[in-house]
Amino acid sequence: MSARRLALAVAAAVVAGDQLTKWWAVASLSDGPVVLIDGFLQFRLVRNPGGAFGSLPGAGPIIALAALAAVVVIVLIVHRLQGRWESAAMGLVLGGAIGNLIDRVARGPGLLDGKVIDFVDFDFFPTFNVADSAITIGAVLAVLLALRAERA
C-alpha cells in the first residue's frame, strides 16, 4: 500500500470512529454521565466551543480555519512520505482534524461555529474525544519518528 493510501485509510478510520462515537455520545449521554470507574473515568457529554481539551473558549471559527489549513497541508504532503509509520502518524492527525472540523461545520448555526462533541472524562484531565486522541497520538508519533531520523 502506498504512503498516500495508508494515510488516507488511517484518516478514514479515525473519522468513522470519531463520528460514530460522537453520535453515540449525543444519543446516550444527554440525560447524564455514565460512570465507568467512580472518581476516575466517566463518559460525559460536553459541547466544546473552543480548542482541544477546552482551551480557548469561543475561538471555534479560528480553530476550524487552522484545522482546514492543516488538512490541506497534510493532503498535499502525504504522497512525499517515505515510511509506513510516518504515513500512519499523518493519517491520525488528518483524521482527527477532519473529525473535529465536521463538528465545527455541522453542529452550529453558522459555517464554522459548531461545537465539538467531547465525552471521555478522566477526573484529572480535560474531556476529549476520539479525534483529539488521534491528533495527539499522531503528533507524538511524528515527533518520535523525527527524533529517531535525526539520530540516524
C-alpha atoms as a PDB file:
ATOM      1  CA  MET A   1       0.000   0.000   0.000  1.00  0.00           C
ATOM      2  CA  SER A   2       1.341   3.427  -0.906  1.00  0.00           C
ATOM      3  CA  ALA A   3       2.075   6.036   1.738  1.00  0.00           C
ATOM      4  CA  ARG A   4      -0.802   8.152   0.475  1.00  0.00           C
ATOM      5  CA  ARG A   5      -3.300   5.299   0.589  1.00  0.00           C
ATOM      6  CA  LEU A   6      -2.181   4.274   4.058  1.00  0.00           C
ATOM      7  CA  ALA A   7      -2.524   7.816   5.410  1.00  0.00           C
ATOM      8  CA  LEU A   8      -5.964   8.201   3.822  1.00  0.00           C
ATOM      9  CA  ALA A   9      -7.110   4.798   5.121  1.00  0.00           C
ATOM     10  CA  VAL A  10      -5.996   5.669   8.653  1.00  0.00           C
ATOM     11  CA  ALA A  11      -7.688   9.069   8.357  1.00  0.00           C
ATOM     12  CA  ALA A  12     -10.927   7.486   7.133  1.00  0.00           C
ATOM     13  CA  ALA A  13     -10.911   5.005  10.031  1.00  0.00           C
ATOM     14  CA  VAL A  14     -10.359   7.826  12.537  1.00  0.00           C
ATOM     15  CA  VAL A  15     -13.165   9.945  11.054  1.00  0.00           C
ATOM     16  CA  ALA A  16     -15.557   6.977  11.072  1.00  0.00           C
ATOM     17  CA  GLY A  17     -14.692   6.021  14.654  1.00  0.00           C
ATOM     18  CA  ASP A  18     -14.858   9.624  15.799  1.00  0.00           C
ATOM     19  CA  GLN A  19     -18.220  10.370  14.233  1.00  0.00           C
ATOM     20  CA  LEU A  20     -19.762   7.077  15.386  1.00  0.00           C
ATOM     21  CA  THR A  21     -18.662   7.634  18.976  1.00  0.00           C
ATOM     22  CA  LYS A  22     -19.889  11.237  18.912  1.00  0.00           C
ATOM     23  CA  TRP A  23     -23.257  10.057  17.567  1.00  0.00           C
ATOM     24  CA  TRP A  24     -23.380   7.528  20.426  1.00  0.00           C
ATOM     25  CA  ALA A  25     -22.411  10.183  22.991  1.00  0.00           C
ATOM     26  CA  VAL A  26     -25.145  12.592  21.897  1.00  0.00           C
ATOM     27  CA  ALA A  27     -27.746   9.794  21.809  1.00  0.00           C
ATOM     28  CA  SER A  28     -26.728   8.126  25.081  1.00  0.00           C
ATOM     29  CA  LEU A  29     -25.289  10.799  27.368  1.00  0.00           C
ATOM     30  CA  SER A  30     -27.804  13.649  27.016  1.00  0.00           C
ATOM     31  CA  ASP A  31     -29.525  12.549  30.242  1.00  0.00           C
ATOM     32  CA  GLY A  32     -26.305  12.487  32.239  1.00  0.00           C
ATOM     33  CA  PRO A  33     -22.903  10.843  32.525  1.00  0.00           C
ATOM     34  CA  VAL A  34     -22.124   7.154  32.654  1.00  0.00           C
ATOM     35  CA  VAL A  35     -19.639   6.414  35.430  1.00  0.00           C
ATOM     36  CA  LEU A  36     -17.196   3.672  34.474  1.00  0.00           C
ATOM     37  CA  ILE A  37     -14.766   3.880  37.395  1.00  0.00           C
ATOM     38  CA  ASP A  38     -16.035   6.081  40.218  1.00  0.00           C
ATOM     39  CA  GLY A  39     -13.732   9.026  40.868  1.00  0.00           C
ATOM     40  CA  PHE A  40     -11.579   8.202  37.846  1.00  0.00           C
ATOM     41  CA  LEU A  41     -13.367   7.756  34.489  1.00  0.00           C
ATOM     42  CA  GLN A  42     -16.781   8.569  33.112  1.00  0.00           C
ATOM     43  CA  PHE A  43     -18.430   9.285  29.783  1.00  0.00           C
ATOM     44  CA  ARG A  44     -19.937  12.777  29.990  1.00  0.00           C
ATOM     45  CA  LEU A  45     -21.377  14.820  27.123  1.00  0.00           C
ATOM     46  CA  VAL A  46     -19.612  18.157  26.621  1.00  0.00           C
ATOM     47  CA  ARG A  47     -20.184  20.548  23.736  1.00  0.00           C
ATOM     48  CA  ASN A  48     -16.853  22.331  23.342  1.00  0.00           C
ATOM     49  CA  PRO A  49     -16.905  25.751  21.627  1.00  0.00           C
ATOM     50  CA  GLY A  50     -13.144  26.201  21.954  1.00  0.00           C
ATOM     51  CA  GLY A  51      -9.935  24.346  21.302  1.00  0.00           C
ATOM     52  CA  ALA A  52      -8.590  20.971  22.271  1.00  0.00           C
ATOM     53  CA  PHE A  53      -9.266  19.942  25.836  1.00  0.00           C
ATOM     54  CA  GLY A  54     -11.478  23.001  26.438  1.00  0.00           C
ATOM     55  CA  SER A  55      -8.808  25.609  25.765  1.00  0.00           C
ATOM     56  CA  LEU A  56      -9.544  28.914  24.020  1.00  0.00           C
ATOM     57  CA  PRO A  57     -13.312  29.052  24.597  1.00  0.00           C
ATOM     58  CA  GLY A  58     -15.142  30.830  21.801  1.00  0.00           C
ATOM     59  CA  ALA A  59     -12.286  30.525  19.320  1.00  0.00           C
ATOM     60  CA  GLY A  60     -14.019  27.764  17.343  1.00  0.00           C
ATOM     61  CA  PRO A  61     -14.084  29.528  13.954  1.00  0.00           C
ATOM     62  CA  ILE A  62     -10.376  30.380  14.145  1.00  0.00           C
ATOM     63  CA  ILE A  63      -9.567  26.818  15.198  1.00  0.00           C
ATOM     64  CA  ALA A  64     -11.723  25.490  12.346  1.00  0.00           C
ATOM     65  CA  LEU A  65      -9.761  27.566   9.831  1.00  0.00           C
ATOM     66  CA  ALA A  66      -6.481  26.286  11.289  1.00  0.00           C
ATOM     67  CA  ALA A  67      -7.788  22.712  11.059  1.00  0.00           C
ATOM     68  CA  LEU A  68      -8.801  23.285   7.457  1.00  0.00           C
ATOM     69  CA  ALA A  69      -5.310  24.600   6.675  1.00  0.00           C
ATOM     70  CA  ALA A  70      -3.760  21.552   8.390  1.00  0.00           C
ATOM     71  CA  VAL A  71      -5.957  19.222   6.336  1.00  0.00           C
ATOM     72  CA  VAL A  72      -4.880  20.897   3.091  1.00  0.00           C
ATOM     73  CA  VAL A  73      -1.183  20.801   4.020  1.00  0.00           C
ATOM     74  CA  ILE A  74      -1.284  17.137   5.070  1.00  0.00           C
ATOM     75  CA  VAL A  75      -3.136  16.107   1.898  1.00  0.00           C
ATOM     76  CA  LEU A  76      -0.541  17.964  -0.188  1.00  0.00           C
ATOM     77  CA  ILE A  77       2.488  16.402   1.525  1.00  0.00           C
ATOM     78  CA  VAL A  78       1.292  12.895   2.324  1.00  0.00           C
ATOM     79  CA  HIS A  79       2.434  11.440  -1.014  1.00  0.00           C
ATOM     80  CA  ARG A  80       6.005  12.504  -0.206  1.00  0.00           C
ATOM     81  CA  LEU A  81       6.214  10.444   2.968  1.00  0.00           C
ATOM     82  CA  GLN A  82       8.699   7.596   2.916  1.00  0.00           C
ATOM     83  CA  GLY A  83       7.684   5.202   5.655  1.00  0.00           C
ATOM     84  CA  ARG A  84       4.569   3.485   6.871  1.00  0.00           C
ATOM     85  CA  TRP A  85       4.874   4.933  10.361  1.00  0.00           C
ATOM     86  CA  GLU A  86       5.121   8.485   9.023  1.00  0.00           C
ATOM     87  CA  SER A  87       2.051   7.850   6.884  1.00  0.00           C
ATOM     88  CA  ALA A  88       0.157   6.421   9.840  1.00  0.00           C
ATOM     89  CA  ALA A  89       1.101   9.422  12.005  1.00  0.00           C
ATOM     90  CA  MET A  90      -0.088  11.888   9.366  1.00  0.00           C
ATOM     91  CA  GLY A  91      -3.251   9.828   8.843  1.00  0.00           C
ATOM     92  CA  LEU A  92      -4.034  10.059  12.559  1.00  0.00           C
ATOM     93  CA  VAL A  93      -3.589  13.840  12.571  1.00  0.00           C
ATOM     94  CA  LEU A  94      -5.540  14.210   9.327  1.00  0.00           C
ATOM     95  CA  GLY A  95      -8.435  12.067  10.535  1.00  0.00           C
ATOM     96  CA  GLY A  96      -8.600  13.875  13.867  1.00  0.00           C
ATOM     97  CA  ALA A  97      -8.575  17.277  12.214  1.00  0.00           C
ATOM     98  CA  ILE A  98     -11.348  16.242   9.817  1.00  0.00           C
ATOM     99  CA  GLY A  99     -13.393  14.684  12.634  1.00  0.00           C
ATOM    100  CA  ASN A 100     -13.404  17.858  14.708  1.00  0.00           C
ATOM    101  CA  LEU A 101     -13.833  20.011  11.588  1.00  0.00           C
ATOM    102  CA  ILE A 102     -17.033  18.112  10.768  1.00  0.00           C
ATOM    103  CA  ASP A 103     -18.381  19.169  14.169  1.00  0.00           C
ATOM    104  CA  ARG A 104     -17.403  22.805  13.550  1.00  0.00           C
ATOM    105  CA  VAL A 105     -19.292  22.749  10.249  1.00  0.00           C
ATOM    106  CA  ALA A 106     -22.305  20.593  11.165  1.00  0.00           C
ATOM    107  CA  ARG A 107     -23.038  21.339  14.824  1.00  0.00           C
ATOM    108  CA  GLY A 108     -23.645  25.074  14.817  1.00  0.00           C
ATOM    109  CA  PRO A 109     -25.876  27.713  13.303  1.00  0.00           C
ATOM    110  CA  GLY A 110     -23.089  29.255  11.209  1.00  0.00           C
ATOM    111  CA  LEU A 111     -20.499  27.811   8.868  1.00  0.00           C
ATOM    112  CA  LEU A 112     -17.614  27.232  11.303  1.00  0.00           C
ATOM    113  CA  ASP A 113     -19.080  27.933  14.739  1.00  0.00           C
ATOM    114  CA  GLY A 114     -20.267  24.457  15.699  1.00  0.00           C
ATOM    115  CA  LYS A 115     -19.307  22.888  18.990  1.00  0.00           C
ATOM    116  CA  VAL A 116     -17.141  19.793  19.117  1.00  0.00           C
ATOM    117  CA  ILE A 117     -18.585  16.815  20.978  1.00  0.00           C
ATOM    118  CA  ASP A 118     -16.289  15.591  23.763  1.00  0.00           C
ATOM    119  CA  PHE A 119     -17.195  12.738  26.089  1.00  0.00           C
ATOM    120  CA  VAL A 120     -14.214  10.853  27.569  1.00  0.00           C
ATOM    121  CA  ASP A 121     -13.762  12.352  31.024  1.00  0.00           C
ATOM    122  CA  PHE A 122     -10.928  11.322  33.303  1.00  0.00           C
ATOM    123  CA  ASP A 123     -11.314  13.229  36.578  1.00  0.00           C
ATOM    124  CA  PHE A 124      -7.733  14.517  36.358  1.00  0.00           C
ATOM    125  CA  PHE A 125      -7.760  15.514  32.669  1.00  0.00           C
ATOM    126  CA  PRO A 126      -9.940  17.663  30.374  1.00  0.00           C
ATOM    127  CA  THR A 127     -12.743  15.910  28.496  1.00  0.00           C
ATOM    128  CA  PHE A 128     -11.806  14.745  24.980  1.00  0.00           C
ATOM    129  CA  ASN A 129     -12.915  12.590  22.034  1.00  0.00           C
ATOM    130  CA  VAL A 130     -11.529  10.112  19.500  1.00  0.00           C
ATOM    131  CA  ALA A 131     -10.375  12.898  17.143  1.00  0.00           C
ATOM    132  CA  ASP A 132      -8.445  14.626  19.934  1.00  0.00           C
ATOM    133  CA  SER A 133      -6.795  11.311  20.817  1.00  0.00           C
ATOM    134  CA  ALA A 134      -5.832  10.652  17.196  1.00  0.00           C
ATOM    135  CA  ILE A 135      -4.309  14.119  16.784  1.00  0.00           C
ATOM    136  CA  THR A 136      -2.313  13.742  19.997  1.00  0.00           C
ATOM    137  CA  ILE A 137      -1.078  10.226  19.215  1.00  0.00           C
ATOM    138  CA  GLY A 138      -0.244  11.166  15.623  1.00  0.00           C
ATOM    139  CA  ALA A 139       1.669  14.270  16.670  1.00  0.00           C
ATOM    140  CA  VAL A 140       3.646  12.416  19.350  1.00  0.00           C
ATOM    141  CA  LEU A 141       4.430   9.622  16.883  1.00  0.00           C
ATOM    142  CA  ALA A 142       5.595  12.168  14.281  1.00  0.00           C
ATOM    143  CA  VAL A 143       7.899  13.839  16.803  1.00  0.00           C
ATOM    144  CA  LEU A 144       9.348  10.488  17.901  1.00  0.00           C
ATOM    145  CA  LEU A 145       9.942   9.481  14.287  1.00  0.00           C
ATOM    146  CA  ALA A 146      11.621  12.814  13.563  1.00  0.00           C
ATOM    147  CA  LEU A 147      13.891  12.421  16.596  1.00  0.00           C
ATOM    148  CA  ARG A 148      14.753   8.883  15.518  1.00  0.00           C
ATOM    149  CA  ALA A 149      15.562  10.042  11.984  1.00  0.00           C
ATOM    150  CA  GLU A 150      17.729  12.828  13.335  1.00  0.00           C
ATOM    151  CA  ARG A 151      19.788  10.338  15.349  1.00  0.00           C
ATOM    152  CA  ALA A 152      20.347   8.086  12.342  1.00  0.00           C
END
